[in-house]
Amino acid sequence: MVNCGIKLEPNKTVEITVARSDCKLLPKGSSIRLIGPRLDENSSGPVCVTALAGIYPWIMTARFGIQSENLAWNYGYKVCCPEGKVEFHIITL
């Protein structure tokens, strides 16, 4: 195994906020907070598993603290759910 000298911290806290919504299940302004891989139930609103599955690459990138221009980093990631009804803003806290 090659060690490239990169130290990644996958347990960062990530906040996923609903920036725009045409979905009755996820109102605008609601948010989901993850502490590493764990859902913080006390700081989270409603959760759509389909949406989380679709945006998970950006969630993982945020968990690792990566700010990738190739994934459209702009003080967080802005991505839509697979159905295109909800736009999320994903940041590392």
N, C-alpha and C. Protein backbone atom coordinates (compact mmCIF):
# COMPACT_ATOMS: atom_id res chain seq x y z
N MET A 1 0.84 -1.18 0.00
CA MET A 1 0.00 0.00 0.00
C MET A 1 0.89 1.24 0.00
N VAL A 2 0.58 2.19 -0.87
CA VAL A 2 1.37 3.40 -1.00
C VAL A 2 0.82 4.47 -0.07
N ASN A 3 1.69 5.11 0.70
CA ASN A 3 1.29 6.22 1.55
C ASN A 3 1.70 7.51 0.85
N CYS A 4 0.73 8.28 0.40
CA CYS A 4 1.00 9.52 -0.34
C CYS A 4 1.17 10.71 0.58
N GLY A 5 1.18 10.49 1.88
CA GLY A 5 1.35 11.59 2.82
C GLY A 5 0.09 12.41 3.05
N ILE A 6 -1.03 11.94 2.56
CA ILE A 6 -2.29 12.66 2.74
C ILE A 6 -2.97 12.15 3.99
N LYS A 7 -3.34 13.06 4.87
CA LYS A 7 -4.06 12.68 6.08
C LYS A 7 -5.49 13.20 5.96
N LEU A 8 -6.41 12.28 5.77
CA LEU A 8 -7.80 12.65 5.64
C LEU A 8 -8.53 12.38 6.95
N GLU A 9 -9.48 13.23 7.28
CA GLU A 9 -10.24 13.11 8.51
C GLU A 9 -11.71 12.90 8.17
N PRO A 10 -12.13 11.64 8.02
CA PRO A 10 -13.49 11.39 7.56
C PRO A 10 -14.58 11.62 8.59
N ASN A 11 -14.26 12.04 9.79
CA ASN A 11 -15.28 12.19 10.81
C ASN A 11 -15.70 13.64 11.05
N LYS A 12 -15.50 14.50 10.08
CA LYS A 12 -15.93 15.88 10.20
C LYS A 12 -17.46 15.94 10.23
N THR A 13 -17.99 17.00 10.82
CA THR A 13 -19.43 17.21 10.85
C THR A 13 -19.85 17.90 9.57
N VAL A 14 -20.92 17.40 8.97
CA VAL A 14 -21.43 17.93 7.70
C VAL A 14 -22.87 18.37 7.90
N GLU A 15 -23.19 19.55 7.38
CA GLU A 15 -24.57 20.04 7.41
C GLU A 15 -25.09 20.13 5.98
N ILE A 16 -26.26 19.56 5.78
CA ILE A 16 -26.91 19.53 4.47
C ILE A 16 -28.21 20.33 4.62
N THR A 17 -28.26 21.50 3.99
CA THR A 17 -29.42 22.38 4.12
C THR A 17 -30.21 22.40 2.82
N VAL A 18 -31.53 22.40 2.95
CA VAL A 18 -32.40 22.49 1.78
C VAL A 18 -32.45 23.95 1.33
N ALA A 19 -31.86 24.22 0.16
CA ALA A 19 -31.79 25.59 -0.37
C ALA A 19 -33.00 25.93 -1.23
N ARG A 20 -33.54 24.92 -1.90
CA ARG A 20 -34.74 25.10 -2.74
C ARG A 20 -35.50 23.79 -2.70
N SER A 21 -36.85 23.88 -2.68
CA SER A 21 -37.61 22.64 -2.61
C SER A 21 -38.97 22.75 -3.29
N ASP A 22 -39.25 21.76 -4.11
CA ASP A 22 -40.58 21.55 -4.66
C ASP A 22 -41.12 20.22 -4.14
N CYS A 23 -40.63 19.82 -2.98
CA CYS A 23 -40.98 18.54 -2.37
C CYS A 23 -41.66 18.80 -1.03
N LYS A 24 -42.80 18.17 -0.81
CA LYS A 24 -43.53 18.34 0.45
C LYS A 24 -42.80 17.71 1.63
N LEU A 25 -41.93 16.74 1.37
CA LEU A 25 -41.23 16.04 2.44
C LEU A 25 -40.04 16.83 3.00
N LEU A 26 -39.42 17.67 2.17
CA LEU A 26 -38.23 18.41 2.59
C LEU A 26 -38.45 19.91 2.38
N PRO A 27 -38.93 20.62 3.39
CA PRO A 27 -39.16 22.05 3.23
C PRO A 27 -37.87 22.85 3.16
N LYS A 28 -37.92 23.94 2.42
CA LYS A 28 -36.78 24.86 2.31
C LYS A 28 -36.35 25.30 3.71
N GLY A 29 -35.05 25.34 3.94
CA GLY A 29 -34.51 25.76 5.22
C GLY A 29 -34.28 24.62 6.19
N SER A 30 -34.88 23.46 5.95
CA SER A 30 -34.62 22.33 6.85
C SER A 30 -33.20 21.81 6.61
N SER A 31 -32.67 21.12 7.59
CA SER A 31 -31.30 20.64 7.44
C SER A 31 -31.11 19.28 8.08
N ILE A 32 -30.07 18.63 7.63
CA ILE A 32 -29.65 17.33 8.14
C ILE A 32 -28.20 17.48 8.57
N ARG A 33 -27.87 16.97 9.73
CA ARG A 33 -26.49 17.06 10.21
C ARG A 33 -25.95 15.65 10.42
N LEU A 34 -24.76 15.44 9.90
CA LEU A 34 -24.06 14.17 10.08
C LEU A 34 -22.78 14.43 10.86
N ILE A 35 -22.51 13.59 11.84
CA ILE A 35 -21.25 13.63 12.57
C ILE A 35 -20.50 12.38 12.12
N GLY A 36 -19.55 12.58 11.21
CA GLY A 36 -18.92 11.43 10.56
C GLY A 36 -20.02 10.70 9.80
N PRO A 37 -20.14 9.41 9.97
CA PRO A 37 -21.15 8.65 9.25
C PRO A 37 -22.51 8.62 9.95
N ARG A 38 -22.59 9.21 11.15
CA ARG A 38 -23.79 9.09 11.98
C ARG A 38 -24.73 10.28 11.82
N LEU A 39 -26.01 10.00 11.68
CA LEU A 39 -27.03 11.04 11.63
C LEU A 39 -27.20 11.63 13.03
N ASP A 40 -27.10 12.94 13.15
CA ASP A 40 -27.35 13.63 14.41
C ASP A 40 -28.85 13.91 14.50
N GLU A 41 -29.58 13.00 15.12
CA GLU A 41 -31.04 13.09 15.16
C GLU A 41 -31.54 14.37 15.83
N ASN A 42 -30.80 14.86 16.82
CA ASN A 42 -31.23 16.05 17.57
C ASN A 42 -31.09 17.34 16.77
N SER A 43 -30.24 17.35 15.75
CA SER A 43 -29.99 18.56 14.96
C SER A 43 -30.46 18.42 13.52
N SER A 44 -31.32 17.42 13.26
CA SER A 44 -31.73 17.16 11.88
C SER A 44 -33.24 17.22 11.72
N GLY A 45 -33.64 17.70 10.55
CA GLY A 45 -35.04 17.69 10.18
C GLY A 45 -35.36 16.40 9.45
N PRO A 46 -36.37 16.43 8.58
CA PRO A 46 -36.73 15.22 7.83
C PRO A 46 -35.61 14.75 6.92
N VAL A 47 -35.55 13.44 6.71
CA VAL A 47 -34.50 12.83 5.90
C VAL A 47 -35.15 12.05 4.76
N CYS A 48 -34.64 12.23 3.55
CA CYS A 48 -35.06 11.45 2.39
C CYS A 48 -33.88 10.57 1.99
N VAL A 49 -34.03 9.28 2.14
CA VAL A 49 -32.93 8.36 1.86
C VAL A 49 -32.56 8.37 0.38
N THR A 50 -33.55 8.52 -0.50
CA THR A 50 -33.26 8.58 -1.94
C THR A 50 -32.38 9.78 -2.25
N ALA A 51 -32.70 10.94 -1.67
CA ALA A 51 -31.90 12.14 -1.89
C ALA A 51 -30.49 11.95 -1.34
N LEU A 52 -30.37 11.41 -0.12
CA LEU A 52 -29.04 11.21 0.47
C LEU A 52 -28.20 10.26 -0.37
N ALA A 53 -28.82 9.21 -0.89
CA ALA A 53 -28.07 8.27 -1.74
C ALA A 53 -27.55 8.97 -2.99
N GLY A 54 -28.37 9.85 -3.57
CA GLY A 54 -27.98 10.54 -4.80
C GLY A 54 -26.89 11.58 -4.61
N ILE A 55 -26.84 12.20 -3.43
CA ILE A 55 -25.85 13.26 -3.20
C ILE A 55 -24.69 12.78 -2.33
N TYR A 56 -24.64 11.48 -2.04
CA TYR A 56 -23.62 10.96 -1.13
C TYR A 56 -22.18 11.22 -1.54
N PRO A 57 -21.84 11.23 -2.83
CA PRO A 57 -20.44 11.57 -3.17
C PRO A 57 -20.02 12.95 -2.64
N TRP A 58 -20.90 13.92 -2.66
CA TRP A 58 -20.60 15.26 -2.16
C TRP A 58 -20.56 15.27 -0.63
N ILE A 59 -21.42 14.46 -0.02
CA ILE A 59 -21.40 14.34 1.44
C ILE A 59 -20.06 13.76 1.88
N MET A 60 -19.60 12.69 1.22
CA MET A 60 -18.31 12.10 1.59
C MET A 60 -17.17 13.07 1.36
N THR A 61 -17.22 13.81 0.29
CA THR A 61 -16.18 14.80 0.01
C THR A 61 -16.14 15.84 1.13
N ALA A 62 -17.30 16.29 1.57
CA ALA A 62 -17.37 17.26 2.68
C ALA A 62 -16.89 16.63 3.98
N ARG A 63 -17.23 15.37 4.21
CA ARG A 63 -16.76 14.68 5.43
C ARG A 63 -15.25 14.62 5.49
N PHE A 64 -14.61 14.50 4.34
CA PHE A 64 -13.15 14.45 4.30
C PHE A 64 -12.53 15.85 4.26
N GLY A 65 -13.37 16.89 4.22
CA GLY A 65 -12.86 18.25 4.21
C GLY A 65 -12.27 18.68 2.88
N ILE A 66 -12.67 18.02 1.80
CA ILE A 66 -12.13 18.31 0.47
C ILE A 66 -12.96 19.41 -0.19
N GLN A 67 -12.28 20.41 -0.69
CA GLN A 67 -12.92 21.52 -1.39
C GLN A 67 -12.52 21.43 -2.87
N SER A 68 -13.24 20.60 -3.61
CA SER A 68 -12.87 20.29 -4.98
C SER A 68 -13.59 21.17 -5.99
N GLU A 69 -12.81 21.92 -6.76
CA GLU A 69 -13.40 22.71 -7.84
C GLU A 69 -14.01 21.80 -8.90
N ASN A 70 -13.47 20.60 -9.06
CA ASN A 70 -14.01 19.64 -10.03
C ASN A 70 -15.41 19.17 -9.64
N LEU A 71 -15.75 19.26 -8.37
CA LEU A 71 -17.09 18.90 -7.90
C LEU A 71 -17.91 20.15 -7.58
N ALA A 72 -17.48 21.28 -8.12
CA ALA A 72 -18.21 22.57 -8.02
C ALA A 72 -18.23 23.15 -6.61
N TRP A 73 -17.11 23.05 -5.89
CA TRP A 73 -17.01 23.67 -4.56
C TRP A 73 -17.16 25.18 -4.70
N ASN A 74 -18.02 25.78 -3.93
CA ASN A 74 -18.20 27.23 -3.86
C ASN A 74 -18.69 27.55 -2.46
N TYR A 75 -17.79 27.51 -1.48
CA TYR A 75 -18.14 27.67 -0.07
C TYR A 75 -19.21 26.67 0.32
N GLY A 76 -19.04 25.46 -0.14
CA GLY A 76 -19.97 24.36 0.04
C GLY A 76 -20.30 23.79 -1.33
N TYR A 77 -21.01 22.68 -1.31
CA TYR A 77 -21.44 22.06 -2.56
C TYR A 77 -22.94 22.28 -2.73
N LYS A 78 -23.35 22.65 -3.93
CA LYS A 78 -24.77 22.79 -4.24
C LYS A 78 -25.14 21.69 -5.22
N VAL A 79 -26.00 20.79 -4.78
CA VAL A 79 -26.40 19.65 -5.60
C VAL A 79 -27.89 19.41 -5.46
N CYS A 80 -28.46 18.73 -6.44
CA CYS A 80 -29.89 18.41 -6.44
C CYS A 80 -30.10 16.94 -6.16
N CYS A 81 -31.27 16.63 -5.64
CA CYS A 81 -31.65 15.24 -5.43
C CYS A 81 -31.85 14.58 -6.80
N PRO A 82 -31.90 13.25 -6.86
CA PRO A 82 -32.05 12.56 -8.14
C PRO A 82 -33.31 12.96 -8.91
N GLU A 83 -34.35 13.39 -8.22
CA GLU A 83 -35.59 13.79 -8.89
C GLU A 83 -35.56 15.25 -9.32
N GLY A 84 -34.55 16.00 -8.90
CA GLY A 84 -34.43 17.41 -9.27
C GLY A 84 -35.39 18.32 -8.54
N LYS A 85 -36.07 17.82 -7.52
CA LYS A 85 -37.05 18.63 -6.79
C LYS A 85 -36.44 19.43 -5.64
N VAL A 86 -35.29 19.00 -5.16
CA VAL A 86 -34.67 19.64 -4.00
C VAL A 86 -33.21 19.97 -4.31
N GLU A 87 -32.82 21.21 -3.99
CA GLU A 87 -31.42 21.60 -4.09
C GLU A 87 -30.86 21.71 -2.68
N PHE A 88 -29.72 21.09 -2.48
CA PHE A 88 -29.07 21.07 -1.17
C PHE A 88 -27.79 21.89 -1.20
N HIS A 89 -27.44 22.45 -0.05
CA HIS A 89 -26.16 23.11 0.15
C HIS A 89 -25.45 22.30 1.23
N ILE A 90 -24.29 21.77 0.89
CA ILE A 90 -23.55 20.87 1.79
C ILE A 90 -22.27 21.57 2.24
N ILE A 91 -22.10 21.68 3.56
CA ILE A 91 -20.90 22.32 4.10
C ILE A 91 -20.29 21.46 5.19
N THR A 92 -19.00 21.66 5.42
CA THR A 92 -18.30 21.03 6.53
C THR A 92 -18.29 22.02 7.68
N LEU A 93 -18.68 21.56 8.86
CA LEU A 93 -18.68 22.44 10.04
C LEU A 93 -17.40 22.27 10.83
